[in-house]
Protein backbone atom coordinates (compact mmCIF):
# COMPACT_ATOMS: atom_id res chain seq x y z
CA MET A 1 26.24 16.41 -84.43
CA ILE A 2 23.08 14.32 -84.78
CA SER A 3 25.01 11.44 -86.36
CA ALA A 4 27.43 11.38 -83.42
CA PHE A 5 24.50 11.25 -81.00
CA ILE A 6 22.87 8.39 -82.92
CA TYR A 7 26.20 6.57 -83.10
CA ALA A 8 26.67 6.91 -79.33
CA LEU A 9 23.08 5.83 -78.65
CA VAL A 10 23.38 2.73 -80.83
CA ASN A 11 26.67 1.81 -79.17
CA VAL A 12 25.06 2.09 -75.73
CA VAL A 13 22.16 -0.12 -76.86
CA HIS A 14 24.65 -2.59 -78.34
CA THR A 15 26.53 -2.74 -75.03
CA ILE A 16 23.35 -3.21 -73.01
CA ILE A 17 22.23 -6.03 -75.31
CA ASN A 18 25.60 -7.76 -74.97
CA ILE A 19 25.55 -7.46 -71.18
CA TYR A 20 22.03 -8.90 -71.03
CA ILE A 21 23.06 -11.78 -73.30
CA TRP A 22 25.84 -12.61 -70.82
CA ILE A 23 23.35 -12.38 -67.95
CA VAL A 24 21.09 -14.90 -69.74
CA ILE A 25 24.04 -17.23 -70.38
CA ILE A 26 25.21 -17.06 -66.77
CA SER A 27 21.65 -17.58 -65.52
CA ALA A 28 21.25 -20.67 -67.71
CA LEU A 29 24.56 -22.11 -66.53
CA VAL A 30 23.76 -21.43 -62.88
CA SER A 31 20.37 -23.13 -63.24
CA TRP A 32 22.09 -26.42 -64.11
CA VAL A 33 23.81 -26.70 -60.71
CA ARG A 34 20.81 -26.04 -58.43
CA PRO A 35 22.13 -23.00 -56.59
CA ASP A 36 20.99 -21.75 -53.22
CA PRO A 37 17.81 -19.75 -53.96
CA TYR A 38 18.62 -17.34 -51.12
CA ASN A 39 21.95 -16.32 -52.64
CA PRO A 40 21.71 -12.63 -53.66
CA ILE A 41 23.46 -13.27 -56.98
CA VAL A 42 21.02 -16.04 -57.86
CA GLN A 43 18.08 -13.85 -56.85
CA THR A 44 19.38 -10.99 -58.99
CA LEU A 45 19.85 -13.25 -62.00
CA TYR A 46 16.35 -14.62 -61.50
CA LYS A 47 14.83 -11.13 -61.25
CA LEU A 48 16.64 -10.00 -64.41
CA THR A 49 15.77 -12.99 -66.58
CA GLU A 50 12.51 -14.53 -65.38
CA PRO A 51 10.19 -11.71 -66.57
CA VAL A 52 11.53 -12.06 -70.11
CA TYR A 53 11.29 -15.86 -69.96
CA ALA A 54 7.70 -15.62 -68.70
CA TRP A 55 6.77 -13.29 -71.55
CA ILE A 56 8.25 -15.69 -74.11
CA ARG A 57 6.64 -18.74 -72.47
CA ARG A 58 3.26 -17.04 -72.74
CA TYR A 59 3.47 -17.12 -76.56
CA ILE A 60 5.83 -20.01 -77.35
CA PRO A 61 6.03 -23.44 -75.72
CA THR A 62 9.70 -23.50 -74.71
CA VAL A 63 10.05 -26.79 -72.83
CA ILE A 64 11.03 -29.57 -75.23
CA GLY A 65 12.13 -32.90 -73.82
CA GLY A 66 12.57 -31.44 -70.35
CA VAL A 67 14.89 -28.70 -71.61
CA ASP A 68 13.76 -25.07 -71.41
CA LEU A 69 14.70 -23.24 -74.60
CA ALA A 70 13.62 -19.78 -73.39
CA PRO A 71 17.23 -18.59 -72.84
CA LEU A 72 18.15 -19.64 -76.36
CA ILE A 73 15.14 -17.81 -77.80
CA VAL A 74 16.05 -14.69 -75.82
CA ILE A 75 19.65 -14.79 -77.05
CA ILE A 76 18.62 -15.27 -80.68
CA GLY A 77 16.08 -12.44 -80.43
CA LEU A 78 18.60 -10.08 -78.86
CA GLN A 79 21.19 -10.96 -81.49
CA PHE A 80 18.65 -10.23 -84.22
CA ILE A 81 17.79 -6.83 -82.71
CA ASP A 82 21.47 -6.00 -82.25
CA VAL A 83 22.46 -6.87 -85.82
CA PHE A 84 19.37 -5.12 -87.21
CA LEU A 85 20.14 -1.88 -85.34
CA MET A 86 23.84 -1.96 -86.24
CA ARG A 87 23.09 -2.53 -89.95
CA LEU A 88 20.33 0.07 -89.94
CA VAL A 89 22.54 2.79 -88.48
CA PHE A 90 25.95 1.87 -89.87
CA GLY A 91 24.79 0.72 -93.29
């Protein structure tokens, strides 16, 4: 019973991580085309990603050669957490 609950919980966390990774990817791609800042989709993407980017930028300089690497750092960190949790629970 407990193992089924833990399995379900880890799968939910895995799904949430994957969805957020796609949100970061879409946000990075949208930022290349200079979208309308008043578009609700752009505002939602900004609200979902910018707090995490700001937290990372506080500790790590992410702009190198005019390119912001914060999305890449977020994706790598989320992948690490995802793989760590999956290996921890599923052996």
